[in-house]
Amino acid sequence: MSKKVRARGGTPDSERRLRKQIRRLKELRAADAEELAQLKADVEALVGALHHATVENGHLR
């Protein structure tokens, strides 16, 4: 069937669906990478705040 579609210059439905799914997955992967970068930055900030609080607590004792 896909050979006939290609012979007419078209793209098979299955290929269009796969290409659409690939686009969607790439978008999701990019969004996940962005979220992961933000979470890493948040962890660094929290570690810094914890260290600061620990040092300050040590001074108060």
C-alpha atoms as a PDB file:
ATOM      1  CA  MET A   1       0.000   0.000   0.000  1.00  0.00           C
ATOM      2  CA  SER A   2       2.729   2.500   0.925  1.00  0.00           C
ATOM      3  CA  LYS A   3       4.482   1.838  -2.408  1.00  0.00           C
ATOM      4  CA  LYS A   4       1.335   2.935  -4.227  1.00  0.00           C
ATOM      5  CA  VAL A   5       1.055   6.067  -2.079  1.00  0.00           C
ATOM      6  CA  ARG A   6       4.711   6.909  -2.660  1.00  0.00           C
ATOM      7  CA  ALA A   7       4.300   6.267  -6.394  1.00  0.00           C
ATOM      8  CA  ARG A   8       1.626   8.987  -6.407  1.00  0.00           C
ATOM      9  CA  GLY A   9       3.990  11.348  -4.589  1.00  0.00           C
ATOM     10  CA  GLY A  10       2.278  11.064  -1.209  1.00  0.00           C
ATOM     11  CA  THR A  11       3.394  10.056   2.241  1.00  0.00           C
ATOM     12  CA  PRO A  12       1.838   6.973   3.875  1.00  0.00           C
ATOM     13  CA  ASP A  13      -0.392   7.603   6.895  1.00  0.00           C
ATOM     14  CA  SER A  14       1.810   5.420   9.067  1.00  0.00           C
ATOM     15  CA  GLU A  15       4.867   7.541   8.238  1.00  0.00           C
ATOM     16  CA  ARG A  16       2.984  10.777   8.928  1.00  0.00           C
ATOM     17  CA  ARG A  17       1.822   9.413  12.298  1.00  0.00           C
ATOM     18  CA  LEU A  18       5.361   8.320  13.184  1.00  0.00           C
ATOM     19  CA  ARG A  19       6.838  11.671  12.193  1.00  0.00           C
ATOM     20  CA  LYS A  20       4.223  13.455  14.306  1.00  0.00           C
ATOM     21  CA  GLN A  21       5.002  11.202  17.263  1.00  0.00           C
ATOM     22  CA  ILE A  22       8.735  11.797  16.825  1.00  0.00           C
ATOM     23  CA  ARG A  23       8.158  15.575  16.845  1.00  0.00           C
ATOM     24  CA  ARG A  24       6.061  15.269  20.004  1.00  0.00           C
ATOM     25  CA  LEU A  25       8.679  13.097  21.716  1.00  0.00           C
ATOM     26  CA  LYS A  26      11.449  15.546  20.804  1.00  0.00           C
ATOM     27  CA  GLU A  27       9.386  18.386  22.288  1.00  0.00           C
ATOM     28  CA  LEU A  28       8.798  16.380  25.466  1.00  0.00           C
ATOM     29  CA  ARG A  29      12.503  15.538  25.686  1.00  0.00           C
ATOM     30  CA  ALA A  30      13.422  19.212  25.358  1.00  0.00           C
ATOM     31  CA  ALA A  31      10.898  20.139  28.059  1.00  0.00           C
ATOM     32  CA  ASP A  32      12.283  17.410  30.325  1.00  0.00           C
ATOM     33  CA  ALA A  33      15.842  18.663  29.783  1.00  0.00           C
ATOM     34  CA  GLU A  34      14.732  22.187  30.672  1.00  0.00           C
ATOM     35  CA  GLU A  35      12.986  20.952  33.819  1.00  0.00           C
ATOM     36  CA  LEU A  36      16.006  18.880  34.808  1.00  0.00           C
ATOM     37  CA  ALA A  37      18.297  21.899  34.448  1.00  0.00           C
ATOM     38  CA  GLN A  38      15.940  23.942  36.651  1.00  0.00           C
ATOM     39  CA  LEU A  39      15.809  21.177  39.267  1.00  0.00           C
ATOM     40  CA  LYS A  40      19.617  20.991  39.340  1.00  0.00           C
ATOM     41  CA  ALA A  41      19.790  24.749  39.865  1.00  0.00           C
ATOM     42  CA  ASP A  42      17.198  24.479  42.646  1.00  0.00           C
ATOM     43  CA  VAL A  43      19.210  21.723  44.346  1.00  0.00           C
ATOM     44  CA  GLU A  44      22.368  23.865  44.227  1.00  0.00           C
ATOM     45  CA  ALA A  45      20.481  26.803  45.743  1.00  0.00           C
ATOM     46  CA  LEU A  46      19.021  24.613  48.490  1.00  0.00           C
ATOM     47  CA  VAL A  47      22.419  23.101  49.293  1.00  0.00           C
ATOM     48  CA  GLY A  48      23.834  26.632  49.553  1.00  0.00           C
ATOM     49  CA  ALA A  49      21.003  27.733  51.840  1.00  0.00           C
ATOM     50  CA  LEU A  50      21.442  24.643  54.015  1.00  0.00           C
ATOM     51  CA  HIS A  51      25.177  25.264  54.286  1.00  0.00           C
ATOM     52  CA  HIS A  52      24.555  28.902  55.207  1.00  0.00           C
ATOM     53  CA  ALA A  53      22.009  27.906  57.857  1.00  0.00           C
ATOM     54  CA  THR A  54      24.363  25.267  59.260  1.00  0.00           C
ATOM     55  CA  VAL A  55      27.232  27.757  59.548  1.00  0.00           C
ATOM     56  CA  GLU A  56      24.938  30.367  61.097  1.00  0.00           C
ATOM     57  CA  ASN A  57      23.596  27.813  63.553  1.00  0.00           C
ATOM     58  CA  GLY A  58      27.156  26.916  64.505  1.00  0.00           C
ATOM     59  CA  HIS A  59      27.900  30.566  65.274  1.00  0.00           C
ATOM     60  CA  LEU A  60      24.824  30.846  67.472  1.00  0.00           C
ATOM     61  CA  ARG A  61      25.824  27.908  69.665  1.00  0.00           C
END
